Amino acid sequence: MTIDVRPQGNATASARTPAGSAQVSSQRKMILVGIGAGAVYRLVRNHSFHISVVTAAIGLAAIGHIAKENNTRTMQQLVAWAKKQDARLEHKVKHLEGQAKSALPG
């Protein structure tokens, strides 16, 4: 008993061959590109899309400015805190130095 494994001559078998598959794949890609291009074209021509883009740009610029300003203020507060800590530690060192000198005989 033998099995015939040769491809059939009908249209469905030719679509399954590598050349037919590539043709279907490229045709599908072109259809998707056309649909995408049409969607982008309609989106770009839409007035409410323009308004949304401008509003988003203004909002992002404002948020960026606020974040930068907040970061500057935070850094100033951190520097002021560090200076206070340095002054406190220097005072403590001088106090301990005075105590050490008075404790030494001489």
PDB file of N, CA and C in Angstrom:
ATOM      1  N   MET A   1       0.845  -1.167   0.000  1.00  0.00           N
ATOM      2  CA  MET A   1       0.000   0.000   0.000  1.00  0.00           C
ATOM      3  C   MET A   1       0.894   1.234   0.000  1.00  0.00           C
ATOM      4  N   THR A   2       0.617   2.181  -0.913  1.00  0.00           N
ATOM      5  CA  THR A   2       1.402   3.409  -1.009  1.00  0.00           C
ATOM      6  C   THR A   2       0.488   4.614  -0.888  1.00  0.00           C
ATOM      7  N   ILE A   3       1.074   5.707  -0.419  1.00  0.00           N
ATOM      8  CA  ILE A   3       0.320   6.959  -0.260  1.00  0.00           C
ATOM      9  C   ILE A   3       0.924   7.983  -1.204  1.00  0.00           C
ATOM     10  N   ASP A   4       0.065   8.666  -1.926  1.00  0.00           N
ATOM     11  CA  ASP A   4       0.515   9.693  -2.847  1.00  0.00           C
ATOM     12  C   ASP A   4       0.667  11.009  -2.066  1.00  0.00           C
ATOM     13  N   VAL A   5       1.873  11.575  -2.003  1.00  0.00           N
ATOM     14  CA  VAL A   5       2.135  12.791  -1.232  1.00  0.00           C
ATOM     15  C   VAL A   5       2.406  13.992  -2.138  1.00  0.00           C
ATOM     16  N   ARG A   6       2.144  13.856  -3.416  1.00  0.00           N
ATOM     17  CA  ARG A   6       2.339  14.984  -4.324  1.00  0.00           C
ATOM     18  C   ARG A   6       1.261  16.031  -4.097  1.00  0.00           C
ATOM     19  N   PRO A   7       1.603  17.345  -4.231  1.00  0.00           N
ATOM     20  CA  PRO A   7       0.597  18.387  -4.024  1.00  0.00           C
ATOM     21  C   PRO A   7      -0.509  18.306  -5.067  1.00  0.00           C
ATOM     22  N   GLN A   8      -1.693  18.645  -4.651  1.00  0.00           N
ATOM     23  CA  GLN A   8      -2.859  18.647  -5.528  1.00  0.00           C
ATOM     24  C   GLN A   8      -2.827  19.905  -6.391  1.00  0.00           C
ATOM     25  N   GLY A   9      -3.594  19.948  -7.440  1.00  0.00           N
ATOM     26  CA  GLY A   9      -3.611  21.071  -8.365  1.00  0.00           C
ATOM     27  C   GLY A   9      -4.648  22.125  -8.015  1.00  0.00           C
ATOM     28  N   ASN A  10      -5.296  22.070  -6.863  1.00  0.00           N
ATOM     29  CA  ASN A  10      -6.348  23.055  -6.555  1.00  0.00           C
ATOM     30  C   ASN A  10      -5.765  24.321  -5.918  1.00  0.00           C
ATOM     31  N   ALA A  11      -6.588  25.340  -5.703  1.00  0.00           N
ATOM     32  CA  ALA A  11      -6.141  26.654  -5.234  1.00  0.00           C
ATOM     33  C   ALA A  11      -5.702  26.623  -3.775  1.00  0.00           C
ATOM     34  N   THR A  12      -6.338  25.806  -2.949  1.00  0.00           N
ATOM     35  CA  THR A  12      -5.964  25.787  -1.529  1.00  0.00           C
ATOM     36  C   THR A  12      -4.584  25.190  -1.342  1.00  0.00           C
ATOM     37  N   ALA A  13      -4.233  24.245  -2.157  1.00  0.00           N
ATOM     38  CA  ALA A  13      -2.900  23.651  -2.030  1.00  0.00           C
ATOM     39  C   ALA A  13      -1.834  24.631  -2.486  1.00  0.00           C
ATOM     40  N   SER A  14      -2.096  25.437  -3.515  1.00  0.00           N
ATOM     41  CA  SER A  14      -1.092  26.396  -3.981  1.00  0.00           C
ATOM     42  C   SER A  14      -0.875  27.509  -2.955  1.00  0.00           C
ATOM     43  N   ALA A  15      -1.888  27.832  -2.168  1.00  0.00           N
ATOM     44  CA  ALA A  15      -1.722  28.858  -1.136  1.00  0.00           C
ATOM     45  C   ALA A  15      -0.846  28.342  -0.005  1.00  0.00           C
ATOM     46  N   ARG A  16      -0.731  27.013   0.119  1.00  0.00           N
ATOM     47  CA  ARG A  16       0.059  26.443   1.203  1.00  0.00           C
ATOM     48  C   ARG A  16       1.522  26.266   0.816  1.00  0.00           C
ATOM     49  N   THR A  17       1.837  26.418  -0.440  1.00  0.00           N
ATOM     50  CA  THR A  17       3.226  26.306  -0.855  1.00  0.00           C
ATOM     51  C   THR A  17       3.977  27.541  -0.385  1.00  0.00           C
ATOM     52  N   PRO A  18       5.286  27.480  -0.269  1.00  0.00           N
ATOM     53  CA  PRO A  18       6.036  28.645   0.216  1.00  0.00           C
ATOM     54  C   PRO A  18       5.821  29.900  -0.610  1.00  0.00           C
ATOM     55  N   ALA A  19       5.749  29.788  -1.926  1.00  0.00           N
ATOM     56  CA  ALA A  19       5.549  30.972  -2.764  1.00  0.00           C
ATOM     57  C   ALA A  19       4.145  31.542  -2.553  1.00  0.00           C
ATOM     58  N   GLY A  20       3.138  30.681  -2.485  1.00  0.00           N
ATOM     59  CA  GLY A  20       1.769  31.143  -2.267  1.00  0.00           C
ATOM     60  C   GLY A  20       1.595  31.756  -0.890  1.00  0.00           C
ATOM     61  N   SER A  21       2.237  31.176   0.107  1.00  0.00           N
ATOM     62  CA  SER A  21       2.161  31.680   1.472  1.00  0.00           C
ATOM     63  C   SER A  21       2.785  33.064   1.567  1.00  0.00           C
ATOM     64  N   ALA A  22       3.912  33.261   0.901  1.00  0.00           N
ATOM     65  CA  ALA A  22       4.574  34.565   0.915  1.00  0.00           C
ATOM     66  C   ALA A  22       3.705  35.612   0.234  1.00  0.00           C
ATOM     67  N   GLN A  23       3.023  35.205  -0.854  1.00  0.00           N
ATOM     68  CA  GLN A  23       2.161  36.139  -1.564  1.00  0.00           C
ATOM     69  C   GLN A  23       0.990  36.562  -0.689  1.00  0.00           C
ATOM     70  N   VAL A  24       0.376  35.624   0.003  1.00  0.00           N
ATOM     71  CA  VAL A  24      -0.742  35.928   0.891  1.00  0.00           C
ATOM     72  C   VAL A  24      -0.267  36.811   2.036  1.00  0.00           C
ATOM     73  N   SER A  25       0.915  36.502   2.592  1.00  0.00           N
ATOM     74  CA  SER A  25       1.458  37.260   3.704  1.00  0.00           C
ATOM     75  C   SER A  25       1.744  38.707   3.293  1.00  0.00           C
ATOM     76  N   SER A  26       2.357  38.903   2.124  1.00  0.00           N
ATOM     77  CA  SER A  26       2.663  40.264   1.684  1.00  0.00           C
ATOM     78  C   SER A  26       1.380  41.028   1.352  1.00  0.00           C
ATOM     79  N   GLN A  27       0.386  40.340   0.815  1.00  0.00           N
ATOM     80  CA  GLN A  27      -0.892  40.995   0.522  1.00  0.00           C
ATOM     81  C   GLN A  27      -1.567  41.421   1.824  1.00  0.00           C
ATOM     82  N   ARG A  28      -1.523  40.574   2.832  1.00  0.00           N
ATOM     83  CA  ARG A  28      -2.111  40.902   4.134  1.00  0.00           C
ATOM     84  C   ARG A  28      -1.388  42.099   4.768  1.00  0.00           C
ATOM     85  N   LYS A  29      -0.061  42.136   4.646  1.00  0.00           N
ATOM     86  CA  LYS A  29       0.715  43.258   5.183  1.00  0.00           C
ATOM     87  C   LYS A  29       0.334  44.561   4.483  1.00  0.00           C
ATOM     88  N   MET A  30       0.186  44.508   3.179  1.00  0.00           N
ATOM     89  CA  MET A  30      -0.179  45.717   2.430  1.00  0.00           C
ATOM     90  C   MET A  30      -1.571  46.206   2.817  1.00  0.00           C
ATOM     91  N   ILE A  31      -2.497  45.295   3.046  1.00  0.00           N
ATOM     92  CA  ILE A  31      -3.838  45.687   3.483  1.00  0.00           C
ATOM     93  C   ILE A  31      -3.760  46.368   4.838  1.00  0.00           C
ATOM     94  N   LEU A  32      -2.990  45.797   5.766  1.00  0.00           N
ATOM     95  CA  LEU A  32      -2.851  46.397   7.096  1.00  0.00           C
ATOM     96  C   LEU A  32      -2.159  47.759   7.032  1.00  0.00           C
ATOM     97  N   VAL A  33      -1.170  47.900   6.165  1.00  0.00           N
ATOM     98  CA  VAL A  33      -0.498  49.193   5.992  1.00  0.00           C
ATOM     99  C   VAL A  33      -1.483  50.224   5.456  1.00  0.00           C
ATOM    100  N   GLY A  34      -2.299  49.831   4.500  1.00  0.00           N
ATOM    101  CA  GLY A  34      -3.304  50.753   3.954  1.00  0.00           C
ATOM    102  C   GLY A  34      -4.316  51.180   5.001  1.00  0.00           C
ATOM    103  N   ILE A  35      -4.777  50.245   5.815  1.00  0.00           N
ATOM    104  CA  ILE A  35      -5.728  50.582   6.877  1.00  0.00           C
ATOM    105  C   ILE A  35      -5.073  51.510   7.893  1.00  0.00           C
ATOM    106  N   GLY A  36      -3.824  51.209   8.268  1.00  0.00           N
ATOM    107  CA  GLY A  36      -3.106  52.060   9.221  1.00  0.00           C
ATOM    108  C   GLY A  36      -2.883  53.461   8.673  1.00  0.00           C
ATOM    109  N   ALA A  37      -2.505  53.562   7.404  1.00  0.00           N
ATOM    110  CA  ALA A  37      -2.275  54.875   6.789  1.00  0.00           C
ATOM    111  C   ALA A  37      -3.569  55.684   6.750  1.00  0.00           C
ATOM    112  N   GLY A  38      -4.673  55.024   6.432  1.00  0.00           N
ATOM    113  CA  GLY A  38      -5.961  55.723   6.418  1.00  0.00           C
ATOM    114  C   GLY A  38      -6.347  56.207   7.801  1.00  0.00           C
ATOM    115  N   ALA A  39      -6.103  55.400   8.816  1.00  0.00           N
ATOM    116  CA  ALA A  39      -6.429  55.799  10.189  1.00  0.00           C
ATOM    117  C   ALA A  39      -5.580  56.979  10.633  1.00  0.00           C
ATOM    118  N   VAL A  40      -4.290  56.940  10.305  1.00  0.00           N
ATOM    119  CA  VAL A  40      -3.404  58.054  10.675  1.00  0.00           C
ATOM    120  C   VAL A  40      -3.823  59.318   9.938  1.00  0.00           C
ATOM    121  N   TYR A  41      -4.162  59.209   8.673  1.00  0.00           N
ATOM    122  CA  TYR A  41      -4.585  60.364   7.884  1.00  0.00           C
ATOM    123  C   TYR A  41      -5.831  61.012   8.491  1.00  0.00           C
ATOM    124  N   ARG A  42      -6.803  60.183   8.868  1.00  0.00           N
ATOM    125  CA  ARG A  42      -8.031  60.729   9.468  1.00  0.00           C
ATOM    126  C   ARG A  42      -7.754  61.339  10.828  1.00  0.00           C
ATOM    127  N   LEU A  43      -6.852  60.739  11.581  1.00  0.00           N
ATOM    128  CA  LEU A  43      -6.519  61.250  12.905  1.00  0.00           C
ATOM    129  C   LEU A  43      -5.823  62.604  12.812  1.00  0.00           C
ATOM    130  N   VAL A  44      -4.898  62.734  11.869  1.00  0.00           N
ATOM    131  CA  VAL A  44      -4.154  63.990  11.722  1.00  0.00           C
ATOM    132  C   VAL A  44      -5.062  65.120  11.251  1.00  0.00           C
ATOM    133  N   ARG A  45      -6.062  64.808  10.462  1.00  0.00           N
ATOM    134  CA  ARG A  45      -6.970  65.839   9.963  1.00  0.00           C
ATOM    135  C   ARG A  45      -8.074  66.192  10.958  1.00  0.00           C
ATOM    136  N   ASN A  46      -8.165  65.478  12.064  1.00  0.00           N
ATOM    137  CA  ASN A  46      -9.217  65.682  13.052  1.00  0.00           C
ATOM    138  C   ASN A  46      -8.878  66.879  13.939  1.00  0.00           C
ATOM    139  N   HIS A  47      -9.785  67.848  14.030  1.00  0.00           N
ATOM    140  CA  HIS A  47      -9.559  69.067  14.807  1.00  0.00           C
ATOM    141  C   HIS A  47      -9.476  68.769  16.304  1.00  0.00           C
ATOM    142  N   SER A  48     -10.303  67.888  16.791  1.00  0.00           N
ATOM    143  CA  SER A  48     -10.262  67.589  18.229  1.00  0.00           C
ATOM    144  C   SER A  48      -8.953  66.893  18.602  1.00  0.00           C
ATOM    145  N   PHE A  49      -8.347  66.157  17.668  1.00  0.00           N
ATOM    146  CA  PHE A  49      -7.035  65.560  17.923  1.00  0.00           C
ATOM    147  C   PHE A  49      -5.990  66.659  18.091  1.00  0.00           C
ATOM    148  N   HIS A  50      -6.050  67.692  17.256  1.00  0.00           N
ATOM    149  CA  HIS A  50      -5.120  68.824  17.387  1.00  0.00           C
ATOM    150  C   HIS A  50      -5.267  69.479  18.755  1.00  0.00           C
ATOM    151  N   ILE A  51      -6.502  69.681  19.185  1.00  0.00           N
ATOM    152  CA  ILE A  51      -6.753  70.291  20.491  1.00  0.00           C
ATOM    153  C   ILE A  51      -6.177  69.405  21.603  1.00  0.00           C
ATOM    154  N   SER A  52      -6.353  68.115  21.491  1.00  0.00           N
ATOM    155  CA  SER A  52      -5.825  67.197  22.506  1.00  0.00           C
ATOM    156  C   SER A  52      -4.303  67.227  22.555  1.00  0.00           C
ATOM    157  N   VAL A  53      -3.663  67.286  21.391  1.00  0.00           N
ATOM    158  CA  VAL A  53      -2.199  67.319  21.343  1.00  0.00           C
ATOM    159  C   VAL A  53      -1.676  68.606  21.963  1.00  0.00           C
ATOM    160  N   VAL A  54      -2.276  69.739  21.636  1.00  0.00           N
ATOM    161  CA  VAL A  54      -1.841  71.018  22.194  1.00  0.00           C
ATOM    162  C   VAL A  54      -2.059  71.034  23.700  1.00  0.00           C
ATOM    163  N   THR A  55      -3.199  70.550  24.153  1.00  0.00           N
ATOM    164  CA  THR A  55      -3.485  70.510  25.597  1.00  0.00           C
ATOM    165  C   THR A  55      -2.479  69.614  26.319  1.00  0.00           C
ATOM    166  N   ALA A  56      -2.177  68.475  25.741  1.00  0.00           N
ATOM    167  CA  ALA A  56      -1.203  67.565  26.357  1.00  0.00           C
ATOM    168  C   ALA A  56       0.185  68.200  26.406  1.00  0.00           C
ATOM    169  N   ALA A  57       0.573  68.909  25.356  1.00  0.00           N
ATOM    170  CA  ALA A  57       1.887  69.558  25.335  1.00  0.00           C
ATOM    171  C   ALA A  57       1.972  70.641  26.406  1.00  0.00           C
ATOM    172  N   ILE A  58       0.926  71.443  26.537  1.00  0.00           N
ATOM    173  CA  ILE A  58       0.916  72.484  27.563  1.00  0.00           C
ATOM    174  C   ILE A  58       0.942  71.855  28.952  1.00  0.00           C
ATOM    175  N   GLY A  59       0.165  70.806  29.154  1.00  0.00           N
ATOM    176  CA  GLY A  59       0.142  70.125  30.451  1.00  0.00           C
ATOM    177  C   GLY A  59       1.484  69.520  30.808  1.00  0.00           C
ATOM    178  N   LEU A  60       2.140  68.875  29.853  1.00  0.00           N
ATOM    179  CA  LEU A  60       3.455  68.285  30.121  1.00  0.00           C
ATOM    180  C   LEU A  60       4.495  69.353  30.427  1.00  0.00           C
ATOM    181  N   ALA A  61       4.431  70.483  29.724  1.00  0.00           N
ATOM    182  CA  ALA A  61       5.373  71.565  30.007  1.00  0.00           C
ATOM    183  C   ALA A  61       5.151  72.117  31.412  1.00  0.00           C
ATOM    184  N   ALA A  62       3.889  72.279  31.799  1.00  0.00           N
ATOM    185  CA  ALA A  62       3.585  72.781  33.141  1.00  0.00           C
ATOM    186  C   ALA A  62       4.040  71.794  34.217  1.00  0.00           C
ATOM    187  N   ILE A  63       3.787  70.520  34.001  1.00  0.00           N
ATOM    188  CA  ILE A  63       4.209  69.503  34.973  1.00  0.00           C
ATOM    189  C   ILE A  63       5.737  69.476  35.078  1.00  0.00           C
ATOM    190  N   GLY A  64       6.425  69.593  33.968  1.00  0.00           N
ATOM    191  CA  GLY A  64       7.889  69.620  33.980  1.00  0.00           C
ATOM    192  C   GLY A  64       8.420  70.813  34.744  1.00  0.00           C
ATOM    193  N   HIS A  65       7.797  71.973  34.544  1.00  0.00           N
ATOM    194  CA  HIS A  65       8.218  73.190  35.263  1.00  0.00           C
ATOM    195  C   HIS A  65       7.983  73.037  36.762  1.00  0.00           C
ATOM    196  N   ILE A  66       6.832  72.498  37.131  1.00  0.00           N
ATOM    197  CA  ILE A  66       6.513  72.305  38.554  1.00  0.00           C
ATOM    198  C   ILE A  66       7.492  71.318  39.182  1.00  0.00           C
ATOM    199  N   ALA A  67       7.796  70.243  38.488  1.00  0.00           N
ATOM    200  CA  ALA A  67       8.729  69.244  39.019  1.00  0.00           C
ATOM    201  C   ALA A  67      10.121  69.838  39.209  1.00  0.00           C
ATOM    202  N   LYS A  68      10.558  70.636  38.242  1.00  0.00           N
ATOM    203  CA  LYS A  68      11.874  71.269  38.347  1.00  0.00           C
ATOM    204  C   LYS A  68      11.903  72.245  39.512  1.00  0.00           C
ATOM    205  N   GLU A  69      10.851  73.037  39.638  1.00  0.00           N
ATOM    206  CA  GLU A  69      10.772  74.009  40.734  1.00  0.00           C
ATOM    207  C   GLU A  69      10.731  73.293  42.085  1.00  0.00           C
ATOM    208  N   ASN A  70       9.971  72.220  42.172  1.00  0.00           N
ATOM    209  CA  ASN A  70       9.868  71.455  43.409  1.00  0.00           C
ATOM    210  C   ASN A  70      11.211  70.817  43.758  1.00  0.00           C
ATOM    211  N   ASN A  71      11.926  70.324  42.752  1.00  0.00           N
ATOM    212  CA  ASN A  71      13.232  69.723  42.988  1.00  0.00           C
ATOM    213  C   ASN A  71      14.218  70.769  43.506  1.00  0.00           C
ATOM    214  N   THR A  72      14.178  71.983  42.957  1.00  0.00           N
ATOM    215  CA  THR A  72      15.059  73.055  43.405  1.00  0.00           C
ATOM    216  C   THR A  72      14.774  73.394  44.859  1.00  0.00           C
ATOM    217  N   ARG A  73      13.513  73.516  45.210  1.00  0.00           N
ATOM    218  CA  ARG A  73      13.137  73.841  46.584  1.00  0.00           C
ATOM    219  C   ARG A  73      13.574  72.730  47.540  1.00  0.00           C
ATOM    220  N   THR A  74      13.404  71.497  47.123  1.00  0.00           N
ATOM    221  CA  THR A  74      13.805  70.366  47.954  1.00  0.00           C
ATOM    222  C   THR A  74      15.313  70.367  48.173  1.00  0.00           C
ATOM    223  N   MET A  75      16.076  70.638  47.129  1.00  0.00           N
ATOM    224  CA  MET A  75      17.532  70.680  47.268  1.00  0.00           C
ATOM    225  C   MET A  75      17.952  71.812  48.201  1.00  0.00           C
ATOM    226  N   GLN A  76      17.298  72.967  48.123  1.00  0.00           N
ATOM    227  CA  GLN A  76      17.618  74.073  49.026  1.00  0.00           C
ATOM    228  C   GLN A  76      17.346  73.679  50.473  1.00  0.00           C
ATOM    229  N   GLN A  77      16.250  73.011  50.717  1.00  0.00           N
ATOM    230  CA  GLN A  77      15.931  72.562  52.066  1.00  0.00           C
ATOM    231  C   GLN A  77      16.946  71.535  52.554  1.00  0.00           C
ATOM    232  N   LEU A  78      17.369  70.654  51.681  1.00  0.00           N
ATOM    233  CA  LEU A  78      18.346  69.640  52.053  1.00  0.00           C
ATOM    234  C   LEU A  78      19.698  70.272  52.390  1.00  0.00           C
ATOM    235  N   VAL A  79      20.127  71.256  51.616  1.00  0.00           N
ATOM    236  CA  VAL A  79      21.391  71.951  51.885  1.00  0.00           C
ATOM    237  C   VAL A  79      21.312  72.691  53.216  1.00  0.00           C
ATOM    238  N   ALA A  80      20.172  73.357  53.478  1.00  0.00           N
ATOM    239  CA  ALA A  80      20.012  74.066  54.748  1.00  0.00           C
ATOM    240  C   ALA A  80      20.061  73.084  55.919  1.00  0.00           C
ATOM    241  N   TRP A  81      19.421  71.932  55.786  1.00  0.00           N
ATOM    242  CA  TRP A  81      19.442  70.923  56.844  1.00  0.00           C
ATOM    243  C   TRP A  81      20.868  70.424  57.083  1.00  0.00           C
ATOM    244  N   ALA A  82      21.604  70.172  55.999  1.00  0.00           N
ATOM    245  CA  ALA A  82      22.983  69.676  56.119  1.00  0.00           C
ATOM    246  C   ALA A  82      23.868  70.710  56.812  1.00  0.00           C
ATOM    247  N   LYS A  83      23.674  71.978  56.515  1.00  0.00           N
ATOM    248  CA  LYS A  83      24.458  73.035  57.176  1.00  0.00           C
ATOM    249  C   LYS A  83      24.145  73.085  58.666  1.00  0.00           C
ATOM    250  N   LYS A  84      22.883  72.935  59.019  1.00  0.00           N
ATOM    251  CA  LYS A  84      22.507  72.914  60.442  1.00  0.00           C
ATOM    252  C   LYS A  84      23.159  71.727  61.152  1.00  0.00           C
ATOM    253  N   GLN A  85      23.152  70.579  60.490  1.00  0.00           N
ATOM    254  CA  GLN A  85      23.763  69.393  61.093  1.00  0.00           C
ATOM    255  C   GLN A  85      25.268  69.585  61.262  1.00  0.00           C
ATOM    256  N   ASP A  86      25.918  70.194  60.257  1.00  0.00           N
ATOM    257  CA  ASP A  86      27.355  70.460  60.365  1.00  0.00           C
ATOM    258  C   ASP A  86      27.651  71.395  61.524  1.00  0.00           C
ATOM    259  N   ALA A  87      26.837  72.462  61.646  1.00  0.00           N
ATOM    260  CA  ALA A  87      27.044  73.418  62.740  1.00  0.00           C
ATOM    261  C   ALA A  87      26.835  72.743  64.094  1.00  0.00           C
ATOM    262  N   ARG A  88      25.817  71.895  64.196  1.00  0.00           N
ATOM    263  CA  ARG A  88      25.543  71.196  65.450  1.00  0.00           C
ATOM    264  C   ARG A  88      26.700  70.260  65.813  1.00  0.00           C
ATOM    265  N   LEU A  89      27.197  69.529  64.833  1.00  0.00           N
ATOM    266  CA  LEU A  89      28.298  68.605  65.095  1.00  0.00           C
ATOM    267  C   LEU A  89      29.594  69.353  65.434  1.00  0.00           C
ATOM    268  N   GLU A  90      29.858  70.460  64.768  1.00  0.00           N
ATOM    269  CA  GLU A  90      31.047  71.258  65.084  1.00  0.00           C
ATOM    270  C   GLU A  90      30.977  71.780  66.511  1.00  0.00           C
ATOM    271  N   HIS A  91      29.802  72.237  66.926  1.00  0.00           N
ATOM    272  CA  HIS A  91      29.622  72.719  68.299  1.00  0.00           C
ATOM    273  C   HIS A  91      29.860  71.580  69.289  1.00  0.00           C
ATOM    274  N   LYS A  92      29.350  70.407  68.973  1.00  0.00           N
ATOM    275  CA  LYS A  92      29.519  69.248  69.845  1.00  0.00           C
ATOM    276  C   LYS A  92      30.996  68.853  69.944  1.00  0.00           C
ATOM    277  N   VAL A  93      31.723  68.888  68.819  1.00  0.00           N
ATOM    278  CA  VAL A  93      33.149  68.557  68.816  1.00  0.00           C
ATOM    279  C   VAL A  93      33.928  69.554  69.657  1.00  0.00           C
ATOM    280  N   LYS A  94      33.622  70.846  69.510  1.00  0.00           N
ATOM    281  CA  LYS A  94      34.325  71.874  70.296  1.00  0.00           C
ATOM    282  C   LYS A  94      34.052  71.690  71.781  1.00  0.00           C
ATOM    283  N   HIS A  95      32.828  71.353  72.117  1.00  0.00           N
ATOM    284  CA  HIS A  95      32.473  71.130  73.518  1.00  0.00           C
ATOM    285  C   HIS A  95      33.246  69.942  74.067  1.00  0.00           C
ATOM    286  N   LEU A  96      33.291  68.837  73.313  1.00  0.00           N
ATOM    287  CA  LEU A  96      34.026  67.655  73.774  1.00  0.00           C
ATOM    288  C   LEU A  96      35.526  67.909  73.818  1.00  0.00           C
ATOM    289  N   GLU A  97      36.012  68.728  72.906  1.00  0.00           N
ATOM    290  CA  GLU A  97      37.432  69.081  72.894  1.00  0.00           C
ATOM    291  C   GLU A  97      37.793  69.872  74.144  1.00  0.00           C
ATOM    292  N   GLY A  98      36.887  70.781  74.509  1.00  0.00           N
ATOM    293  CA  GLY A  98      37.106  71.556  75.742  1.00  0.00           C
ATOM    294  C   GLY A  98      37.098  70.666  76.974  1.00  0.00           C
ATOM    295  N   GLN A  99      36.200  69.717  76.995  1.00  0.00           N
ATOM    296  CA  GLN A  99      36.148  68.781  78.128  1.00  0.00           C
ATOM    297  C   GLN A  99      37.400  67.913  78.176  1.00  0.00           C
ATOM    298  N   ALA A 100      37.911  67.496  77.044  1.00  0.00           N
ATOM    299  CA  ALA A 100      39.105  66.654  77.006  1.00  0.00           C
ATOM    300  C   ALA A 100      40.331  67.438  77.475  1.00  0.00           C
ATOM    301  N   LYS A 101      40.430  68.721  77.109  1.00  0.00           N
ATOM    302  CA  LYS A 101      41.556  69.535  77.526  1.00  0.00           C
ATOM    303  C   LYS A 101      41.541  69.772  79.030  1.00  0.00           C
ATOM    304  N   SER A 102      40.329  69.995  79.542  1.00  0.00           N
ATOM    305  CA  SER A 102      40.238  70.240  80.999  1.00  0.00           C
ATOM    306  C   SER A 102      40.487  68.967  81.794  1.00  0.00           C
ATOM    307  N   ALA A 103      40.256  67.812  81.206  1.00  0.00           N
ATOM    308  CA  ALA A 103      40.457  66.551  81.909  1.00  0.00           C
ATOM    309  C   ALA A 103      41.925  66.142  81.928  1.00  0.00           C
ATOM    310  N   LEU A 104      42.717  66.679  81.019  1.00  0.00           N
ATOM    311  CA  LEU A 104      44.134  66.314  80.963  1.00  0.00           C
ATOM    312  C   LEU A 104      44.891  67.051  82.078  1.00  0.00           C
ATOM    313  N   PRO A 105      45.807  66.368  82.692  1.00  0.00           N
ATOM    314  CA  PRO A 105      46.620  67.054  83.705  1.00  0.00           C
ATOM    315  C   PRO A 105      47.625  67.977  83.024  1.00  0.00           C
ATOM    316  N   GLY A 106      47.797  69.070  83.571  1.00  0.00           N
ATOM    317  CA  GLY A 106      48.876  69.842  83.026  1.00  0.00           C
ATOM    318  C   GLY A 106      48.704  71.249  83.033  1.00  0.00           C
TER     319      GLY A 106
END
